[in-house]
C-alpha atoms as a PDB file:
ATOM      1  CA  GLN A   1     129.787-161.912 167.684  1.00  0.00           C
ATOM      2  CA  VAL A   2     126.469-160.101 167.218  1.00  0.00           C
ATOM      3  CA  GLN A   3     123.628-161.313 164.870  1.00  0.00           C
ATOM      4  CA  LEU A   4     120.135-160.008 164.565  1.00  0.00           C
ATOM      5  CA  VAL A   5     118.037-162.238 162.024  1.00  0.00           C
ATOM      6  CA  GLU A   6     114.483-160.829 160.461  1.00  0.00           C
ATOM      7  CA  SER A   7     111.792-162.925 159.686  1.00  0.00           C
ATOM      8  CA  GLY A   8     107.940-162.806 158.988  1.00  0.00           C
ATOM      9  CA  GLY A   9     107.886-160.662 155.778  1.00  0.00           C
ATOM     10  CA  GLY A  10     105.968-160.570 152.438  1.00  0.00           C
ATOM     11  CA  LEU A  11     103.636-159.692 150.960  1.00  0.00           C
ATOM     12  CA  VAL A  12     100.198-158.284 152.050  1.00  0.00           C
ATOM     13  CA  GLN A  13      97.171-156.757 151.184  1.00  0.00           C
ATOM     14  CA  PRO A  14      96.273-153.165 152.269  1.00  0.00           C
ATOM     15  CA  GLY A  15      94.555-153.929 155.832  1.00  0.00           C
ATOM     16  CA  GLY A  16      95.903-156.719 156.516  1.00  0.00           C
ATOM     17  CA  SER A  17      98.371-157.659 159.223  1.00  0.00           C
ATOM     18  CA  LEU A  18     101.910-159.053 159.473  1.00  0.00           C
ATOM     19  CA  ARG A  19     104.280-160.319 162.311  1.00  0.00           C
ATOM     20  CA  LEU A  20     107.982-159.401 162.601  1.00  0.00           C
ATOM     21  CA  SER A  21     110.533-161.329 164.274  1.00  0.00           C
ATOM     22  CA  CYS A  22     113.777-160.784 165.162  1.00  0.00           C
ATOM     23  CA  ALA A  23     115.855-163.401 166.716  1.00  0.00           C
ATOM     24  CA  ALA A  24     118.876-161.848 168.822  1.00  0.00           C
ATOM     25  CA  SER A  25     122.294-163.777 169.775  1.00  0.00           C
ATOM     26  CA  GLY A  26     125.678-162.435 170.909  1.00  0.00           C
ATOM     27  CA  PHE A  27     124.716-160.072 173.396  1.00  0.00           C
ATOM     28  CA  PRO A  28     122.833-159.297 176.391  1.00  0.00           C
ATOM     29  CA  PHE A  29     119.683-158.515 175.262  1.00  0.00           C
ATOM     30  CA  ALA A  30     117.588-158.994 178.293  1.00  0.00           C
ATOM     31  CA  ILE A  31     119.333-155.297 179.351  1.00  0.00           C
ATOM     32  CA  VAL A  32     119.198-153.448 175.908  1.00  0.00           C
ATOM     33  CA  ASP A  33     116.482-151.698 174.226  1.00  0.00           C
ATOM     34  CA  MET A  34     116.042-152.644 171.143  1.00  0.00           C
ATOM     35  CA  SER A  35     114.459-150.973 167.646  1.00  0.00           C
ATOM     36  CA  TRP A  36     112.524-152.010 164.620  1.00  0.00           C
ATOM     37  CA  SER A  37     113.691-149.010 161.456  1.00  0.00           C
ATOM     38  CA  ARG A  38     112.422-149.240 158.025  1.00  0.00           C
ATOM     39  CA  ARG A  39     113.524-147.693 154.541  1.00  0.00           C
ATOM     40  CA  ALA A  40     111.279-147.629 151.730  1.00  0.00           C
ATOM     41  CA  ALA A  41     112.488-147.474 148.277  1.00  0.00           C
ATOM     42  CA  GLY A  42     114.159-144.059 147.244  1.00  0.00           C
ATOM     43  CA  LYS A  43     113.531-142.727 150.831  1.00  0.00           C
ATOM     44  CA  GLU A  44     115.604-142.390 153.761  1.00  0.00           C
ATOM     45  CA  ARG A  45     115.842-144.796 156.423  1.00  0.00           C
ATOM     46  CA  GLU A  46     112.758-143.898 159.104  1.00  0.00           C
ATOM     47  CA  PHE A  47     112.090-145.038 163.051  1.00  0.00           C
ATOM     48  CA  VAL A  48     109.211-147.389 163.478  1.00  0.00           C
ATOM     49  CA  ALA A  49     108.955-148.531 167.077  1.00  0.00           C
ATOM     50  CA  ASN A  50     111.579-149.135 170.244  1.00  0.00           C
ATOM     51  CA  ILE A  51     110.867-150.819 173.811  1.00  0.00           C
ATOM     52  CA  THR A  52     112.791-150.585 176.858  1.00  0.00           C
ATOM     53  CA  PHE A  53     114.832-154.080 178.318  1.00  0.00           C
ATOM     54  CA  SER A  54     111.945-154.728 180.392  1.00  0.00           C
ATOM     55  CA  GLY A  55     109.300-154.527 178.177  1.00  0.00           C
ATOM     56  CA  ARG A  56     107.449-152.041 180.323  1.00  0.00           C
ATOM     57  CA  ARG A  57     107.896-149.055 177.872  1.00  0.00           C
ATOM     58  CA  SER A  58     107.946-148.545 174.112  1.00  0.00           C
ATOM     59  CA  ASN A  59     107.924-144.946 171.863  1.00  0.00           C
ATOM     60  CA  TYR A  60     106.278-144.985 168.302  1.00  0.00           C
ATOM     61  CA  ALA A  61     107.091-142.945 165.171  1.00  0.00           C
ATOM     62  CA  ASP A  62     103.500-141.080 164.229  1.00  0.00           C
ATOM     63  CA  SER A  63     103.235-142.824 160.959  1.00  0.00           C
ATOM     64  CA  VAL A  64     102.639-146.532 162.665  1.00  0.00           C
ATOM     65  CA  LYS A  65     101.039-145.347 166.233  1.00  0.00           C
ATOM     66  CA  GLY A  66      98.174-147.332 167.211  1.00  0.00           C
ATOM     67  CA  ARG A  67      98.479-149.843 164.560  1.00  0.00           C
ATOM     68  CA  PHE A  68     101.865-151.346 165.078  1.00  0.00           C
ATOM     69  CA  THR A  69     102.858-152.649 168.614  1.00  0.00           C
ATOM     70  CA  ILE A  70     106.199-153.719 169.223  1.00  0.00           C
ATOM     71  CA  ALA A  71     106.819-156.182 171.907  1.00  0.00           C
ATOM     72  CA  ARG A  72     109.604-158.821 172.973  1.00  0.00           C
ATOM     73  CA  ASP A  73     110.227-162.347 174.783  1.00  0.00           C
ATOM     74  CA  ASN A  74     113.757-161.869 176.962  1.00  0.00           C
ATOM     75  CA  ALA A  75     113.617-165.896 177.649  1.00  0.00           C
ATOM     76  CA  LYS A  76     113.655-165.965 173.607  1.00  0.00           C
ATOM     77  CA  LYS A  77     116.047-163.042 172.953  1.00  0.00           C
ATOM     78  CA  THR A  78     113.115-162.288 170.376  1.00  0.00           C
ATOM     79  CA  VAL A  79     111.817-158.610 169.479  1.00  0.00           C
ATOM     80  CA  TYR A  80     108.481-158.655 167.421  1.00  0.00           C
ATOM     81  CA  LEU A  81     106.688-155.759 165.847  1.00  0.00           C
ATOM     82  CA  GLN A  82     102.816-156.518 164.704  1.00  0.00           C
ATOM     83  CA  MET A  83     101.905-154.883 162.260  1.00  0.00           C
ATOM     84  CA  ASN A  84      98.200-154.555 161.560  1.00  0.00           C
ATOM     85  CA  SER A  85      95.817-152.184 159.271  1.00  0.00           C
ATOM     86  CA  LEU A  86      98.086-152.500 156.870  1.00  0.00           C
ATOM     87  CA  GLU A  87      98.425-150.107 153.798  1.00  0.00           C
ATOM     88  CA  PRO A  88     100.903-149.303 150.651  1.00  0.00           C
ATOM     89  CA  GLU A  89     102.996-146.650 152.326  1.00  0.00           C
ATOM     90  CA  ASP A  90     104.083-149.270 155.235  1.00  0.00           C
ATOM     91  CA  THR A  91     106.110-150.813 152.111  1.00  0.00           C
ATOM     92  CA  ALA A  92     109.450-151.207 153.241  1.00  0.00           C
ATOM     93  CA  VAL A  93     112.173-153.069 154.671  1.00  0.00           C
ATOM     94  CA  TYR A  94     112.232-153.898 158.103  1.00  0.00           C
ATOM     95  CA  TYR A  95     114.972-153.492 160.373  1.00  0.00           C
ATOM     96  CA  CYS A  96     115.452-154.678 164.209  1.00  0.00           C
ATOM     97  CA  HIS A  97     118.510-153.025 165.582  1.00  0.00           C
ATOM     98  CA  TRP A  98     120.845-152.513 168.803  1.00  0.00           C
ATOM     99  CA  GLY A  99     123.464-149.561 168.608  1.00  0.00           C
ATOM    100  CA  ASP A 100     125.397-149.902 165.665  1.00  0.00           C
ATOM    101  CA  TYR A 101     124.208-153.280 165.196  1.00  0.00           C
ATOM    102  CA  TRP A 102     121.300-153.874 162.767  1.00  0.00           C
ATOM    103  CA  GLY A 103     119.726-157.341 161.062  1.00  0.00           C
ATOM    104  CA  PRO A 104     119.810-157.683 157.389  1.00  0.00           C
ATOM    105  CA  GLY A 105     115.972-156.680 157.281  1.00  0.00           C
ATOM    106  CA  THR A 106     113.082-158.321 156.058  1.00  0.00           C
ATOM    107  CA  GLN A 107     110.622-157.187 153.040  1.00  0.00           C
ATOM    108  CA  VAL A 108     107.523-156.295 153.656  1.00  0.00           C
ATOM    109  CA  THR A 109     105.093-155.294 150.872  1.00  0.00           C
ATOM    110  CA  VAL A 110     101.716-153.918 151.021  1.00  0.00           C
ATOM    111  CA  SER A 111      99.760-154.162 147.730  1.00  0.00           C
ATOM    112  CA  SER A 112      96.730-155.537 146.424  1.00  0.00           C
END
């Protein structure tokens, strides 16, 4: 069955960095586009970034553009989200997803 498992979240100070990973299985990862979204407490879920199956093109929410980078390794069936210059407003549960399939999420907390 389809599985998406995020990892790499944690507590980081403002201005710090984290790299999230999402390990995929159970579907043809190398031919599908992948996405990251996030949900902050009390807020609606928000798109963060996506990347085409080839990895050649990506899109970002305005709120993270220039700070976050999405990447993928099709051999490892893993998609990544490198997050730099983190701000308290980036605090949220981060999810990777494809179609209707979502991982359980990983908590990112940006706080001093």
